[in-house]
Structure formats: structure tokens, C-alpha cells
Amino acid sequence: METDVVQAVAQHAEETLGKEGFRYVSAVVANCKMLALDLEARGDEEAAHLDMEALTIAAYLHDISTATYGFQDHHIKSAELAVDFLRELDVPEERIRKVEQIILAHTTVVPAEQRRKVPLETRILYDADKLGRLSGLAVVTSLIEFGARYPNRAVTSEVLAAILRHIEERFVELYQSLNTAPARELARDKFGKTLAFLDGVIEHLSGATPV
């Protein structure tokens, strides 16, 4: 059952981020809970001591600054805004600092050999945030971003193939950066289908005419 603080945080996130933004962070919250439960079921010792409330609060607030300030260094600004809001709710300072640290670190890629040195809450939020990006929708989003960045650039089959290869490389890096076994297992099927799709499109474009 969610506490009054978590409910207040969720409401604040919805009001600040709007419908689409809140839908995304709600999915991240759901992913966090799913990963935490999976780790606990596997008998993970760290999962037995997981601070689920701090993780949930951080998940709701990890993108809170993007509605106003965009995504540039959003982990820093979102952490600042989260601290301010939680103090308004009279949340204990120790809990506030924990949430702040989770948000600050949620974009950081941690080398495999050092992952156990990072708090589990941070590792889970990183994975939960990234799971949604290993999908076909992420390909569409990347193409839209390219079009917005280079509106006057002609898109030939060669250019499109190069863009897709770059996206494929990013997908591989993203998949390899996942911290937890449950996240990697959940991503594997989705990841494999997306790579197969990209490979097929790239192969087709090798003999295509300009778009």
C-alpha cells in the first residue's frame, strides 16, 4: 500500500509532467516494482533490504524537471526539484538525501565489475528507465529526432541505413549497460526482435532508391 508521501509525489508528478510524461514515469515505477519483486524472489540479499519507498519516490520524480528545463542534465535539476518538494512535505532529511542520490545517479552507466558498489535502488531505477528504450518505438523516436535536428538534409537510402546502424549500436550499448539479471532477461526478447527488424531494414536499403 502506498504511503501518503508517495501518493502526494505521484500527484505532483502528474500535475507537473502532464499526461504523456506521467504515463512514462508511471511505467518506470511499475518496472521498478517488478524488478524489485523479481530480485527478492531470486533470494537476492540486497533486495531484502531495499528501500522501496525511496525508490518509488525517485522513480516518480526522476524526470520532474524536463517539463520546464528539457533533458539536458535533467538528473541534476530533477534532483534539486525533488529535494525542494519533499521538504515541503516534511519528509525526513535522511530520506530526502537518499532520493536525491538515486535521481542524481540514475543516468550513470556503471561498469559490470563495479555494480555491486552502487546502491541497488539506483541500479534498479537505471534499468527501469532504460527498458522502455529497447523497442521499435525508440527507433521511430530516433528518426523523428534526426529529422528535427537536420530538417533540410536529404534522406537517401545510404543516409537512412547509416542512421539505423547508429541506432543499432546504441541499442547494443544500452542493453549491455543494464545492471540486473531480471532487466536483462526482460529486455532480451524485445531487444532481439528490434535488432532483427533493424537488420532487415538495413539489408533492404542496401539496394533501395533515394527517399
Protein backbone atom coordinates (compact mmCIF):
# COMPACT_ATOMS: atom_id res chain seq x y z
CA MET A 1 0.00 0.00 0.00
CA GLU A 2 1.38 3.41 -0.96
CA THR A 3 2.09 5.93 1.77
CA ASP A 4 0.66 9.45 1.86
CA VAL A 5 4.05 10.78 0.74
CA VAL A 6 4.17 8.51 -2.30
CA GLN A 7 0.61 9.49 -3.24
CA ALA A 8 1.47 13.19 -2.91
CA VAL A 9 4.59 12.68 -5.03
CA ALA A 10 2.62 10.83 -7.73
CA GLN A 11 0.05 13.62 -7.85
CA HIS A 12 2.78 16.24 -8.10
CA ALA A 13 4.46 14.32 -10.93
CA GLU A 14 1.18 14.07 -12.83
CA GLU A 15 0.44 17.77 -12.44
CA THR A 16 3.96 18.78 -13.45
CA LEU A 17 4.70 16.38 -16.30
CA GLY A 18 1.28 16.21 -17.93
CA LYS A 19 -0.46 13.15 -19.34
CA GLU A 20 2.33 11.77 -21.55
CA GLY A 21 5.15 12.45 -19.14
CA PHE A 22 3.24 10.94 -16.24
CA ARG A 23 2.38 7.86 -18.28
CA TYR A 24 6.09 7.29 -18.86
CA VAL A 25 7.19 7.75 -15.24
CA SER A 26 4.32 5.54 -14.11
CA ALA A 27 5.68 2.82 -16.39
CA VAL A 28 9.12 3.34 -14.84
CA VAL A 29 7.60 3.00 -11.36
CA ALA A 30 5.92 -0.24 -12.45
CA ASN A 31 9.21 -1.52 -13.86
CA CYS A 32 10.98 -0.68 -10.58
CA LYS A 33 8.45 -2.67 -8.58
CA MET A 34 8.61 -5.60 -10.99
CA LEU A 35 12.41 -5.74 -10.91
CA ALA A 36 12.49 -5.44 -7.12
CA LEU A 37 9.99 -8.29 -6.69
CA ASP A 38 11.91 -10.46 -9.15
CA LEU A 39 15.19 -9.91 -7.31
CA GLU A 40 13.54 -10.67 -3.99
CA ALA A 41 12.06 -13.88 -5.40
CA ARG A 42 15.55 -14.91 -6.52
CA GLY A 43 16.79 -14.57 -2.96
CA ASP A 44 18.97 -11.54 -3.62
CA GLU A 45 20.33 -10.39 -0.25
CA GLU A 46 20.33 -6.71 -1.23
CA ALA A 47 16.70 -6.90 -2.33
CA ALA A 48 15.70 -7.97 1.18
CA HIS A 49 16.88 -4.56 2.45
CA LEU A 50 15.66 -2.47 -0.49
CA ASP A 51 14.12 0.92 0.38
CA MET A 52 11.07 0.59 -1.85
CA GLU A 53 9.51 3.89 -0.81
CA ALA A 54 12.66 5.86 -1.63
CA LEU A 55 12.93 4.03 -4.97
CA THR A 56 9.28 4.71 -5.83
CA ILE A 57 9.56 8.40 -4.95
CA ALA A 58 12.73 8.72 -7.02
CA ALA A 59 11.07 6.96 -9.96
CA TYR A 60 8.14 9.39 -9.94
CA LEU A 61 10.44 12.42 -9.69
CA HIS A 62 13.46 11.41 -11.79
CA ASP A 63 12.24 13.38 -14.85
CA ILE A 64 10.36 16.10 -12.96
CA SER A 65 12.46 18.95 -14.38
CA THR A 66 12.04 18.01 -18.03
CA ALA A 67 8.67 19.72 -18.45
CA THR A 68 10.30 23.09 -17.84
CA TYR A 69 14.01 22.64 -18.50
CA GLY A 70 14.27 19.81 -21.05
CA PHE A 71 16.54 16.77 -20.78
CA GLN A 72 19.94 18.44 -20.70
CA ASP A 73 21.46 17.48 -17.30
CA HIS A 74 17.93 16.65 -16.17
CA HIS A 75 19.18 14.33 -13.43
CA ILE A 76 20.76 17.30 -11.63
CA LYS A 77 17.81 19.66 -11.93
CA SER A 78 15.26 16.93 -11.17
CA ALA A 79 17.17 16.03 -8.01
CA GLU A 80 17.10 19.69 -6.92
CA LEU A 81 13.36 19.98 -7.55
CA ALA A 82 12.72 16.67 -5.80
CA VAL A 83 14.57 17.88 -2.69
CA ASP A 84 12.55 21.11 -2.62
CA PHE A 85 9.22 19.32 -2.99
CA LEU A 86 9.98 16.64 -0.39
CA ARG A 87 10.98 19.29 2.12
CA GLU A 88 7.59 20.92 1.60
CA LEU A 89 6.09 17.58 2.63
CA ASP A 90 8.30 17.48 5.75
CA VAL A 91 9.94 14.24 4.64
CA PRO A 92 12.87 13.31 6.93
CA GLU A 93 16.18 14.68 5.68
CA GLU A 94 17.77 11.25 5.54
CA ARG A 95 15.06 10.00 3.19
CA ILE A 96 15.33 13.16 1.07
CA ARG A 97 19.08 12.68 0.66
CA LYS A 98 18.58 9.07 -0.38
CA VAL A 99 16.04 10.03 -3.04
CA GLU A 100 18.35 12.79 -4.23
CA GLN A 101 21.26 10.39 -4.67
CA ILE A 102 19.13 7.85 -6.54
CA ILE A 103 17.96 10.51 -9.01
CA LEU A 104 21.44 12.01 -9.44
CA ALA A 105 22.89 8.61 -10.37
CA HIS A 106 20.04 7.23 -12.47
CA THR A 107 21.68 8.18 -15.79
CA THR A 108 25.13 6.83 -14.91
CA VAL A 109 26.44 3.74 -16.68
CA VAL A 110 28.30 1.57 -14.16
CA PRO A 111 30.97 -0.94 -15.31
CA ALA A 112 29.92 -4.53 -14.60
CA GLU A 113 32.72 -5.10 -12.10
CA GLN A 114 31.65 -2.08 -10.03
CA ARG A 115 27.87 -2.53 -9.98
CA ARG A 116 27.74 -4.13 -6.54
CA LYS A 117 29.29 -0.95 -5.12
CA VAL A 118 26.28 1.10 -6.28
CA PRO A 119 23.08 1.10 -4.17
CA LEU A 120 20.51 -1.35 -5.51
CA GLU A 121 17.83 1.38 -5.68
CA THR A 122 19.99 3.30 -8.16
CA ARG A 123 20.70 0.24 -10.28
CA ILE A 124 17.01 -0.65 -10.44
CA LEU A 125 15.91 2.86 -11.45
CA TYR A 126 18.56 2.94 -14.19
CA ASP A 127 17.30 -0.38 -15.56
CA ALA A 128 13.61 0.52 -15.24
CA ASP A 129 14.20 3.79 -17.09
CA LYS A 130 16.10 2.09 -19.90
CA LEU A 131 13.81 -0.89 -20.51
CA GLY A 132 11.31 1.21 -22.45
CA ARG A 133 14.01 2.29 -24.88
CA LEU A 134 14.73 -1.20 -26.16
CA SER A 135 11.78 -1.19 -28.52
CA GLY A 136 10.66 -0.37 -32.03
CA LEU A 137 9.13 2.84 -30.73
CA ALA A 138 12.61 4.01 -29.79
CA VAL A 139 13.64 3.62 -33.45
CA VAL A 140 10.78 5.86 -34.57
CA THR A 141 11.67 8.40 -31.89
CA SER A 142 15.31 8.47 -33.01
CA LEU A 143 14.30 9.05 -36.63
CA ILE A 144 12.00 11.89 -35.59
CA GLU A 145 14.84 13.45 -33.58
CA PHE A 146 17.14 13.22 -36.60
CA GLY A 147 14.56 14.91 -38.81
CA ALA A 148 14.08 17.70 -36.29
CA ARG A 149 17.83 18.23 -35.94
CA TYR A 150 18.55 18.22 -39.69
CA PRO A 151 15.31 19.47 -41.33
CA ASN A 152 16.98 20.41 -44.64
CA ARG A 153 19.11 17.31 -45.09
CA ALA A 154 18.12 14.98 -47.92
CA VAL A 155 17.49 11.44 -46.66
CA THR A 156 18.89 8.92 -49.13
CA SER A 157 18.84 5.17 -48.58
CA GLU A 158 22.53 5.36 -47.61
CA VAL A 159 21.87 8.07 -45.02
CA LEU A 160 18.90 6.17 -43.59
CA ALA A 161 20.92 2.94 -43.37
CA ALA A 162 23.70 4.81 -41.56
CA ILE A 163 21.19 6.25 -39.08
CA LEU A 164 19.76 2.80 -38.39
CA ARG A 165 23.23 1.32 -37.88
CA HIS A 166 23.93 4.05 -35.34
CA ILE A 167 20.64 3.30 -33.56
CA GLU A 168 21.54 -0.40 -33.55
CA GLU A 169 24.90 0.37 -31.92
CA ARG A 170 23.17 2.47 -29.28
CA PHE A 171 20.73 -0.37 -28.57
CA VAL A 172 23.60 -2.80 -28.05
CA GLU A 173 25.35 -0.41 -25.67
CA LEU A 174 22.10 0.21 -23.79
CA TYR A 175 21.36 -3.48 -23.40
CA GLN A 176 24.87 -4.20 -22.17
CA SER A 177 24.63 -1.40 -19.60
CA LEU A 178 21.66 -2.95 -17.75
CA ASN A 179 22.58 -3.69 -14.15
CA THR A 180 20.30 -6.50 -13.03
CA ALA A 181 19.65 -10.02 -14.33
CA PRO A 182 15.84 -9.56 -14.38
CA ALA A 183 16.18 -6.43 -16.53
CA ARG A 184 18.49 -8.17 -18.99
CA GLU A 185 16.12 -11.13 -19.24
CA LEU A 186 13.07 -8.90 -19.75
CA ALA A 187 14.90 -6.90 -22.41
CA ARG A 188 16.35 -9.89 -24.28
CA ASP A 189 13.25 -10.83 -26.26
CA LYS A 190 12.32 -7.23 -27.06
CA PHE A 191 15.96 -6.41 -27.87
CA GLY A 192 16.34 -9.38 -30.20
CA LYS A 193 13.20 -8.55 -32.17
CA THR A 194 14.25 -4.92 -32.55
CA LEU A 195 17.73 -5.86 -33.81
CA ALA A 196 16.22 -8.32 -36.29
CA PHE A 197 13.92 -5.56 -37.54
CA LEU A 198 16.81 -3.11 -37.96
CA ASP A 199 18.99 -5.69 -39.72
CA GLY A 200 16.17 -6.43 -42.15
CA VAL A 201 15.57 -2.77 -42.95
CA ILE A 202 19.31 -2.07 -43.40
CA GLU A 203 19.64 -5.05 -45.74
CA HIS A 204 16.64 -3.86 -47.75
CA LEU A 205 18.04 -0.33 -48.01
CA SER A 206 21.29 -1.59 -49.50
CA GLY A 207 19.52 -1.84 -52.84
CA ALA A 208 16.92 0.88 -52.37
CA THR A 209 16.43 4.16 -54.24
CA PRO A 210 16.60 7.60 -52.52
CA VAL A 211 13.64 8.51 -50.32
